[in-house]
């Protein structure tokens, strides 16, 4: 069991009451914060949305397997960004090929074009 992370789940009625109190406190805090955030939106930057989400899930006894880790989300976002970048490159490839072809044709028509473009 060395190196294994254990998740302790408290299930007694007392623990459930404590969780309900914590959920109530979080909800009350968010209700109190809403009007202030309308006046000063920058206050929302002080809230760690991921931590808030994780707390809600924990106190609602949502199975940890349901909530994806931040590392998984970051890896998926990085893969999506890389795929988007590759797609942009693929979309630009025909334009680049056309430009190279145009330059080559211009050089054939007038060798001075190559000197002007330093190619």
Protein backbone atom coordinates (compact mmCIF):
# COMPACT_ATOMS: atom_id res chain seq x y z
CA UNK A 1 0.00 0.00 0.00
CA UNK A 2 3.07 2.22 -0.03
CA UNK A 3 2.52 5.18 -2.34
CA UNK A 4 -1.21 4.54 -2.78
CA UNK A 5 -3.50 7.51 -2.25
CA UNK A 6 -6.49 6.68 -0.14
CA UNK A 7 -9.69 8.67 -0.17
CA UNK A 8 -11.41 8.60 3.17
CA UNK A 9 -15.18 8.84 2.92
CA UNK A 10 -17.05 9.76 6.06
CA UNK A 11 -20.57 8.36 5.93
CA UNK A 12 -21.92 8.72 9.45
CA UNK A 13 -24.99 10.91 10.02
CA UNK A 14 -22.74 13.35 11.84
CA UNK A 15 -20.38 13.61 8.88
CA UNK A 16 -23.29 14.05 6.49
CA UNK A 17 -24.63 16.89 8.65
CA UNK A 18 -21.21 18.57 8.59
CA UNK A 19 -21.09 18.25 4.80
CA UNK A 20 -24.58 19.73 4.53
CA UNK A 21 -23.48 22.65 6.70
CA UNK A 22 -20.42 23.21 4.49
CA UNK A 23 -22.57 23.13 1.35
CA UNK A 24 -24.95 25.60 2.93
CA UNK A 25 -22.03 27.88 3.83
CA UNK A 26 -20.61 27.74 0.30
CA UNK A 27 -24.02 28.45 -1.22
CA UNK A 28 -24.61 31.36 1.16
CA UNK A 29 -21.18 32.77 0.34
CA UNK A 30 -21.89 32.61 -3.39
CA UNK A 31 -25.31 34.27 -2.90
CA UNK A 32 -23.67 37.02 -0.84
CA UNK A 33 -20.94 37.46 -3.43
CA UNK A 34 -23.26 37.72 -6.47
CA UNK A 35 -24.39 41.35 -5.89
CA UNK A 36 -20.85 42.42 -5.02
CA UNK A 37 -19.53 40.79 -8.20
CA UNK A 38 -21.97 42.84 -10.25
CA UNK A 39 -20.43 46.00 -8.83
CA UNK A 40 -16.82 44.77 -8.79
CA UNK A 41 -16.43 41.83 -11.21
CA UNK A 42 -12.74 41.53 -10.38
CA UNK A 43 -13.76 39.97 -7.05
CA UNK A 44 -14.56 36.77 -8.93
CA UNK A 45 -10.88 36.43 -9.78
CA UNK A 46 -10.30 35.65 -6.12
CA UNK A 47 -12.33 32.46 -6.36
CA UNK A 48 -10.63 29.26 -7.41
CA UNK A 49 -13.42 27.83 -9.54
CA UNK A 50 -11.88 24.38 -9.69
CA UNK A 51 -11.53 24.20 -5.92
CA UNK A 52 -15.12 25.40 -5.51
CA UNK A 53 -16.31 22.72 -7.91
CA UNK A 54 -14.28 20.01 -6.16
CA UNK A 55 -15.66 21.09 -2.77
CA UNK A 56 -19.24 20.93 -4.03
CA UNK A 57 -18.65 17.47 -5.46
CA UNK A 58 -17.02 16.26 -2.26
CA UNK A 59 -19.72 17.60 0.01
CA UNK A 60 -22.46 16.19 -2.25
CA UNK A 61 -20.75 12.77 -2.02
CA UNK A 62 -20.18 12.62 -5.76
CA UNK A 63 -17.92 9.72 -6.63
CA UNK A 64 -14.36 10.93 -7.29
CA UNK A 65 -14.39 8.89 -10.52
CA UNK A 66 -17.04 11.26 -11.89
CA UNK A 67 -14.92 14.39 -11.43
CA UNK A 68 -12.05 14.63 -13.87
CA UNK A 69 -8.69 15.74 -12.58
CA UNK A 70 -7.24 19.09 -13.56
CA UNK A 71 -4.31 17.22 -15.14
CA UNK A 72 -6.70 15.29 -17.41
CA UNK A 73 -8.47 18.50 -18.40
CA UNK A 74 -5.17 20.27 -19.08
CA UNK A 75 -3.94 17.35 -21.21
CA UNK A 76 -7.18 17.34 -23.22
CA UNK A 77 -7.02 21.11 -23.73
CA UNK A 78 -3.39 20.88 -24.84
CA UNK A 79 -4.24 18.12 -27.33
CA UNK A 80 -7.16 20.17 -28.67
CA UNK A 81 -4.95 23.26 -29.05
CA UNK A 82 -2.32 21.22 -30.87
CA UNK A 83 -4.93 19.74 -33.21
CA UNK A 84 -6.28 23.23 -33.90
CA UNK A 85 -2.77 24.48 -34.68
CA UNK A 86 -2.19 21.56 -37.05
CA UNK A 87 -5.51 22.28 -38.78
CA UNK A 88 -4.54 25.93 -39.26
CA UNK A 89 -1.22 24.89 -40.79
CA UNK A 90 -3.00 22.47 -43.12
CA UNK A 91 -5.42 25.20 -44.19
CA UNK A 92 -2.55 27.58 -44.92
CA UNK A 93 -0.50 25.01 -46.85
CA UNK A 94 -2.30 25.51 -50.21
CA UNK A 95 -1.89 29.28 -49.93
CA UNK A 96 1.81 28.92 -49.18
CA UNK A 97 2.24 26.50 -52.08
CA UNK A 98 0.44 28.95 -54.37
CA UNK A 99 2.70 31.80 -53.27
CA UNK A 100 5.83 29.72 -53.87
CA UNK A 101 4.53 28.74 -57.30
CA UNK A 102 3.81 32.39 -58.14
CA UNK A 103 7.32 33.41 -57.11
CA UNK A 104 8.85 30.60 -59.16
CA UNK A 105 6.84 31.63 -62.21
CA UNK A 106 7.81 35.27 -61.71
CA UNK A 107 11.48 34.29 -61.52
CA UNK A 108 11.19 32.35 -64.77
CA UNK A 109 9.51 35.27 -66.49
CA UNK A 110 11.99 37.83 -65.15
CA UNK A 111 15.21 36.71 -63.38
CA UNK A 112 15.45 40.14 -61.74
CA UNK A 113 12.45 39.22 -59.53
CA UNK A 114 14.67 36.79 -57.63
CA UNK A 115 17.19 39.54 -56.97
CA UNK A 116 14.47 41.91 -55.77
CA UNK A 117 13.09 39.29 -53.36
CA UNK A 118 16.58 38.12 -52.27
CA UNK A 119 15.90 34.53 -53.34
